[in-house]
Amino acid sequence: MTATESRTNVAATVKEAMQTRRSIRKFVQEPMDQADLREIIRLSTLAPSANNVQTWRVAVIQNPELQTKLQAASYNQAQVTSAPAVLVVYSDMEDALNTIEDTLPASMSEDDRKARAAGFRGRFAEQDVAQRGAWGLSQANIAFGYLMLAARSLGYDTVPMLGFEPDKVRELLNLPEHVQFVGLLPVGKRAEDGFPHHRHSVDRVTKFY
């Protein structure tokens, strides 16, 4: 599939989104449709998480000046400024703990809500911030995968990035010290085809018992 074909043929199924996803580093120079951007994020929030805790948070960067600074904090990788938007995905376990009531079903009784919230907070009471953060990050990683597939399902492309300086990104976005980053995700319409998939076979990565 060429870049032109990709821009005109929107992936319609999960299977198609998975098979046509590529890591793209050059994007068409046009703004993101804001309704599509919000829908991509909305779809990612459907990701599962233990106890429905939903630790993921997303900072959406569409300011060219800020993207330039973010690129400098990302070892000058060009996709940060090539993309019309960059999603900075991070986990905030402390916020999740403080607002756990927001994730409990409205159908629960007040007593049950209090008991569930207290029980959840109690599970992490003896852990330090870093330990809690690591658990929260494991949950947010699931949403990161959902983001990439949601973007592809709407005809957009992404490239997951772990190459950046966390402290500098925290400072740029004025984020709390305790947050843990899942990654950066430039998103837009592809202006290149990307590399073809080269993956291990099912038999190489699987043991059947």
Protein backbone atom coordinates (compact mmCIF):
# COMPACT_ATOMS: atom_id res chain seq x y z
CA MET A 1 0.00 0.00 0.00
CA THR A 2 1.41 3.38 -1.00
CA ALA A 3 1.20 6.54 1.08
CA THR A 4 -1.38 7.97 -1.32
CA GLU A 5 -3.53 4.85 -1.08
CA SER A 6 -3.28 4.96 2.70
CA ARG A 7 -4.55 8.54 2.82
CA THR A 8 -7.62 7.70 0.76
CA ASN A 9 -8.51 4.27 2.15
CA VAL A 10 -9.56 4.34 5.79
CA ALA A 11 -9.04 1.08 7.64
CA ALA A 12 -12.48 -0.26 8.55
CA THR A 13 -11.73 -3.16 10.87
CA VAL A 14 -9.41 -3.95 13.75
CA LYS A 15 -7.65 -6.55 11.61
CA GLU A 16 -7.08 -4.06 8.80
CA ALA A 17 -5.84 -1.42 11.25
CA MET A 18 -3.34 -3.89 12.70
CA GLN A 19 -2.14 -5.09 9.31
CA THR A 20 -1.76 -1.62 7.75
CA ARG A 21 -0.22 0.15 10.75
CA ARG A 22 3.32 1.34 10.14
CA SER A 23 5.71 3.52 12.12
CA ILE A 24 5.58 6.75 10.11
CA ARG A 25 8.08 9.59 10.52
CA LYS A 26 7.04 11.93 7.69
CA PHE A 27 3.53 13.35 7.70
CA VAL A 28 1.34 15.33 5.33
CA GLN A 29 1.58 18.99 6.28
CA GLU A 30 -2.03 19.67 7.19
CA PRO A 31 -3.77 20.21 10.54
CA MET A 32 -5.51 17.31 12.24
CA ASP A 33 -9.28 17.22 12.07
CA GLN A 34 -10.11 17.99 15.68
CA ALA A 35 -13.19 15.77 15.74
CA ASP A 36 -11.04 12.86 14.53
CA LEU A 37 -8.40 13.64 17.12
CA ARG A 38 -10.93 13.61 19.93
CA GLU A 39 -12.42 10.36 18.60
CA ILE A 40 -9.00 8.70 18.54
CA ILE A 41 -8.50 9.61 22.18
CA ARG A 42 -12.06 8.58 23.09
CA LEU A 43 -11.55 5.16 21.54
CA SER A 44 -8.31 4.73 23.46
CA THR A 45 -10.14 5.33 26.73
CA LEU A 46 -12.05 2.11 26.09
CA ALA A 47 -8.86 0.20 26.93
CA PRO A 48 -9.22 -2.17 29.87
CA SER A 49 -7.43 -1.63 33.17
CA ALA A 50 -7.34 -3.52 36.45
CA ASN A 51 -10.12 -2.32 38.73
CA ASN A 52 -11.05 0.10 35.93
CA VAL A 53 -8.51 2.49 37.43
CA GLN A 54 -7.71 4.24 34.09
CA THR A 55 -4.31 5.66 34.99
CA TRP A 56 -3.58 7.01 31.50
CA ARG A 57 -3.46 10.73 30.71
CA VAL A 58 -2.80 12.44 27.36
CA ALA A 59 -1.23 15.82 26.64
CA VAL A 60 -2.04 16.92 23.08
CA ILE A 61 0.62 19.13 21.50
CA GLN A 62 -0.34 21.07 18.36
CA ASN A 63 1.68 24.22 18.97
CA PRO A 64 4.64 24.49 16.54
CA GLU A 65 6.81 26.37 19.03
CA LEU A 66 6.19 23.78 21.73
CA GLN A 67 6.73 20.95 19.26
CA THR A 68 10.14 22.42 18.40
CA LYS A 69 11.07 22.38 22.09
CA LEU A 70 9.70 18.86 22.43
CA GLN A 71 11.81 17.79 19.45
CA ALA A 72 14.91 19.14 21.21
CA ALA A 73 13.97 17.05 24.26
CA SER A 74 13.56 14.03 21.96
CA TYR A 75 17.11 13.90 20.60
CA ASN A 76 16.02 16.07 17.67
CA GLN A 77 13.87 13.39 16.03
CA ALA A 78 12.19 15.04 13.05
CA GLN A 79 8.81 13.31 13.36
CA VAL A 80 7.99 15.45 16.41
CA THR A 81 7.67 18.56 14.24
CA SER A 82 6.61 16.79 11.04
CA ALA A 83 3.40 15.51 12.64
CA PRO A 84 0.47 17.92 13.01
CA ALA A 85 -0.08 16.64 16.55
CA VAL A 86 1.98 14.84 19.17
CA LEU A 87 0.30 12.93 21.96
CA VAL A 88 2.34 12.72 25.14
CA VAL A 89 0.93 9.71 26.95
CA TYR A 90 1.70 9.28 30.62
CA SER A 91 0.43 7.57 33.74
CA ASP A 92 -0.64 9.47 36.86
CA MET A 93 -1.22 6.87 39.54
CA GLU A 94 -1.45 9.46 42.31
CA ASP A 95 -4.31 11.24 40.56
CA ALA A 96 -5.97 7.88 39.92
CA LEU A 97 -5.80 7.03 43.61
CA ASN A 98 -7.13 10.43 44.65
CA THR A 99 -10.09 10.23 42.25
CA ILE A 100 -10.86 6.51 42.28
CA GLU A 101 -14.53 7.24 43.02
CA ASP A 102 -14.83 8.68 39.51
CA THR A 103 -14.22 5.24 38.00
CA LEU A 104 -16.75 3.35 40.12
CA PRO A 105 -20.16 2.48 38.63
CA ALA A 106 -22.92 4.97 39.47
CA SER A 107 -25.18 1.99 40.21
CA MET A 108 -23.16 1.11 43.33
CA SER A 109 -24.54 2.13 46.69
CA GLU A 110 -22.72 4.85 48.60
CA ASP A 111 -21.52 2.34 51.20
CA ASP A 112 -20.21 0.01 48.50
CA ARG A 113 -18.46 2.90 46.76
CA LYS A 114 -16.72 3.93 49.97
CA ALA A 115 -15.69 0.36 50.73
CA ARG A 116 -14.38 -0.25 47.20
CA ALA A 117 -12.43 3.00 47.17
CA ALA A 118 -10.93 2.38 50.60
CA GLY A 119 -9.97 -1.16 49.65
CA PHE A 120 -8.25 -0.01 46.46
CA ARG A 121 -6.29 2.73 48.22
CA GLY A 122 -5.34 0.27 50.94
CA ARG A 123 -3.71 -2.03 48.38
CA PHE A 124 -1.13 0.65 47.59
CA ALA A 125 -0.81 2.36 50.98
CA GLU A 126 2.49 0.68 51.85
CA GLN A 127 4.07 1.17 48.44
CA ASP A 128 6.15 4.23 47.64
CA VAL A 129 5.30 6.60 44.81
CA ALA A 130 7.66 4.87 42.37
CA GLN A 131 6.23 1.41 43.07
CA ARG A 132 2.67 2.65 42.65
CA GLY A 133 3.74 4.47 39.52
CA ALA A 134 5.17 1.32 37.96
CA TRP A 135 1.85 -0.47 38.45
CA GLY A 136 -0.05 2.45 36.95
CA LEU A 137 2.31 2.53 33.98
CA SER A 138 1.55 -1.12 33.20
CA GLN A 139 -2.12 -0.16 32.87
CA ALA A 140 -1.47 2.93 30.74
CA ASN A 141 0.62 0.90 28.29
CA ILE A 142 -2.57 -0.87 27.21
CA ALA A 143 -4.18 2.43 26.24
CA PHE A 144 -1.06 3.37 24.24
CA GLY A 145 -1.63 0.37 21.99
CA TYR A 146 -5.29 1.29 21.65
CA LEU A 147 -4.30 4.81 20.56
CA MET A 148 -2.24 3.51 17.65
CA LEU A 149 -5.00 1.21 16.42
CA ALA A 150 -7.68 3.88 16.90
CA ALA A 151 -5.64 6.33 14.83
CA ARG A 152 -5.10 3.80 12.05
CA SER A 153 -8.79 2.86 12.03
CA LEU A 154 -9.60 6.49 11.18
CA GLY A 155 -6.97 6.69 8.43
CA TYR A 156 -4.18 8.28 10.47
CA ASP A 157 -0.70 7.06 11.26
CA THR A 158 1.63 7.19 14.22
CA VAL A 159 5.09 6.32 15.45
CA PRO A 160 5.61 5.27 19.09
CA MET A 161 8.59 7.01 20.67
CA LEU A 162 10.53 6.16 23.81
CA GLY A 163 13.60 8.19 22.86
CA PHE A 164 13.23 11.41 24.85
CA GLU A 165 14.41 13.00 28.09
CA PRO A 166 11.59 12.58 30.64
CA ASP A 167 12.72 15.38 32.95
CA LYS A 168 12.78 17.88 30.10
CA VAL A 169 9.35 16.79 28.87
CA ARG A 170 7.94 17.10 32.42
CA GLU A 171 9.34 20.62 32.61
CA LEU A 172 7.99 21.63 29.20
CA LEU A 173 4.48 20.43 30.05
CA ASN A 174 4.57 21.40 33.72
CA LEU A 175 3.74 17.84 34.81
CA PRO A 176 4.18 16.51 38.36
CA GLU A 177 7.42 14.74 39.20
CA HIS A 178 5.62 11.47 39.98
CA VAL A 179 4.07 10.89 36.54
CA GLN A 180 5.57 8.13 34.43
CA PHE A 181 5.71 8.37 30.65
CA VAL A 182 4.33 5.71 28.36
CA GLY A 183 5.73 7.44 25.27
CA LEU A 184 5.32 10.15 22.68
CA LEU A 185 3.01 9.49 19.74
CA PRO A 186 3.24 11.77 16.70
CA VAL A 187 0.03 11.40 14.68
CA GLY A 188 -1.15 12.54 11.25
CA LYS A 189 -1.63 11.40 7.65
CA ARG A 190 1.36 9.52 6.31
CA ALA A 191 3.59 11.11 3.67
CA GLU A 192 5.71 7.95 3.31
CA ASP A 193 4.97 4.26 3.20
CA GLY A 194 7.08 3.21 6.15
CA PHE A 195 8.88 -0.10 6.38
CA PRO A 196 7.08 -3.39 5.68
CA HIS A 197 6.38 -5.61 8.64
CA HIS A 198 9.15 -8.02 9.55
CA ARG A 199 7.96 -10.08 12.50
CA HIS A 200 8.66 -13.42 14.14
CA SER A 201 6.33 -16.25 13.21
CA VAL A 202 3.65 -17.47 15.59
CA ASP A 203 5.69 -20.60 16.25
CA ARG A 204 8.79 -18.52 17.10
CA VAL A 205 7.06 -16.54 19.86
CA THR A 206 4.54 -19.09 21.17
CA LYS A 207 4.56 -22.17 23.35
CA PHE A 208 1.39 -24.20 23.35
CA TYR A 209 0.67 -26.26 26.47
